[in-house]
Amino acid sequence: MAYVQRDQHGNITAVFDSPQQNAQESVSINSEELISFLRDSEDTEHVRVALSSSDMALVRVLEDLVNTLIDKNVILFTDLPMAAREKLSNREKIRGHLNSLDDLMGDDHGIL
């Protein structure tokens, strides 16, 4: 997600990775309007912000890809470098913890 600033005609004039006082509107990083703005922009900072905003989504895609390759026995988990195995394991533990917290909150809707 990226946050955009617009001019009086509704055209994107700036892109941010978090909401700003003058840029509260969020747009998908895949938005054709945003891609067009970035393609025509001469300010490399706007492009860097957009790339940074898409990094987390891409990380998840790559993580899912690695897990799929492992599940289909295309590669073994142990084939990965130690640093990659540690990062994947840590992310899996964190996601598991988040899921268990979500389950706790979702079990009894009457509490809240």
Protein backbone atom coordinates (compact mmCIF):
# COMPACT_ATOMS: atom_id res chain seq x y z
CA MET A 1 0.00 0.00 0.00
CA ALA A 2 1.24 3.48 -0.84
CA TYR A 3 -0.14 6.84 0.25
CA VAL A 4 -0.56 9.53 -2.36
CA GLN A 5 -0.86 13.27 -2.48
CA ARG A 6 -3.00 14.75 -5.25
CA ASP A 7 -3.21 18.13 -6.93
CA GLN A 8 -6.40 20.14 -7.43
CA HIS A 9 -7.14 18.11 -10.59
CA GLY A 10 -6.90 14.77 -8.76
CA ASN A 11 -3.54 13.80 -10.26
CA ILE A 12 -0.97 12.09 -8.07
CA THR A 13 1.86 14.46 -7.19
CA ALA A 14 3.73 12.54 -4.48
CA VAL A 15 3.98 9.04 -2.99
CA PHE A 16 4.70 8.07 0.63
CA ASP A 17 5.08 4.80 2.49
CA SER A 18 2.94 6.00 5.41
CA PRO A 19 0.06 8.47 5.79
CA GLN A 20 1.09 12.12 5.77
CA GLN A 21 -0.86 15.22 6.71
CA ASN A 22 -1.44 15.97 3.03
CA ALA A 23 -1.48 12.34 1.85
CA GLN A 24 -4.07 10.20 3.63
CA GLU A 25 -5.34 8.31 0.59
CA SER A 26 -3.96 4.80 0.21
CA VAL A 27 -3.71 3.15 -3.19
CA SER A 28 -2.63 -0.31 -4.23
CA ILE A 29 0.95 -0.58 -5.35
CA ASN A 30 -0.52 -2.27 -8.46
CA SER A 31 -2.78 0.67 -9.28
CA GLU A 32 -2.41 1.63 -12.95
CA GLU A 33 -2.61 5.28 -11.96
CA LEU A 34 0.28 4.89 -9.52
CA ILE A 35 2.37 2.88 -11.96
CA SER A 36 1.81 5.52 -14.63
CA PHE A 37 2.85 8.28 -12.21
CA LEU A 38 6.00 6.39 -11.22
CA ARG A 39 6.91 5.63 -14.82
CA ASP A 40 6.65 9.32 -15.74
CA SER A 41 8.19 10.65 -12.53
CA GLU A 42 11.67 12.13 -12.59
CA ASP A 43 11.91 11.95 -8.78
CA THR A 44 13.60 8.65 -7.89
CA GLU A 45 12.44 8.99 -4.27
CA HIS A 46 8.84 8.30 -5.36
CA VAL A 47 10.00 5.12 -7.07
CA ARG A 48 11.96 4.05 -3.98
CA VAL A 49 8.90 4.57 -1.77
CA ALA A 50 6.75 2.48 -4.10
CA LEU A 51 9.33 -0.31 -4.20
CA SER A 52 9.61 -0.28 -0.44
CA SER A 53 5.83 -0.49 -0.11
CA SER A 54 5.74 -3.56 -2.32
CA ASP A 55 8.60 -5.33 -0.51
CA MET A 56 6.47 -6.90 2.22
CA ALA A 57 4.01 -8.35 -0.27
CA LEU A 58 6.87 -9.73 -2.33
CA VAL A 59 8.50 -11.25 0.76
CA ARG A 60 5.28 -13.16 1.45
CA VAL A 61 5.10 -14.36 -2.17
CA LEU A 62 8.68 -15.63 -2.03
CA GLU A 63 8.07 -17.26 1.32
CA ASP A 64 5.02 -19.06 -0.08
CA LEU A 65 7.02 -20.08 -3.15
CA VAL A 66 9.80 -21.61 -1.03
CA ASN A 67 7.23 -23.47 1.09
CA THR A 68 5.51 -24.80 -2.05
CA LEU A 69 8.82 -26.01 -3.48
CA ILE A 70 9.57 -27.76 -0.20
CA ASP A 71 6.07 -29.28 0.02
CA LYS A 72 6.42 -30.66 -3.52
CA ASN A 73 9.87 -32.05 -2.72
CA VAL A 74 11.49 -29.91 -5.40
CA ILE A 75 13.98 -28.71 -2.79
CA LEU A 76 14.72 -29.73 0.75
CA PHE A 77 14.58 -27.26 3.61
CA THR A 78 18.17 -28.27 4.40
CA ASP A 79 19.21 -27.25 0.85
CA LEU A 80 18.70 -23.64 1.87
CA PRO A 81 21.53 -21.66 3.44
CA MET A 82 21.44 -21.57 7.24
CA ALA A 83 20.55 -17.86 7.30
CA ALA A 84 17.55 -18.47 5.03
CA ARG A 85 16.38 -21.44 7.14
CA GLU A 86 16.58 -19.34 10.31
CA LYS A 87 14.64 -16.45 8.78
CA LEU A 88 11.94 -18.73 7.40
CA SER A 89 11.63 -20.58 10.70
CA ASN A 90 11.40 -17.34 12.68
CA ARG A 91 8.73 -15.93 10.38
CA GLU A 92 6.74 -19.17 10.62
CA LYS A 93 6.90 -19.05 14.44
CA ILE A 94 5.81 -15.40 14.52
CA ARG A 95 2.94 -16.06 12.11
CA GLY A 96 1.90 -19.08 14.19
CA HIS A 97 1.91 -16.93 17.32
CA LEU A 98 -0.19 -14.26 15.58
CA ASN A 99 -2.65 -16.89 14.37
CA SER A 100 -3.01 -18.29 17.89
CA LEU A 101 -3.67 -14.79 19.23
CA ASP A 102 -6.30 -14.25 16.53
CA ASP A 103 -7.90 -17.57 17.49
CA LEU A 104 -8.03 -16.53 21.15
CA MET A 105 -9.73 -13.27 20.26
CA GLY A 106 -12.12 -14.96 17.86
CA ASP A 107 -13.24 -17.83 20.09
CA ASP A 108 -15.74 -15.95 22.24
CA HIS A 109 -17.37 -13.01 20.56
CA GLY A 110 -19.40 -12.33 23.69
CA ILE A 111 -16.37 -11.14 25.68
CA LEU A 112 -15.88 -8.00 23.59
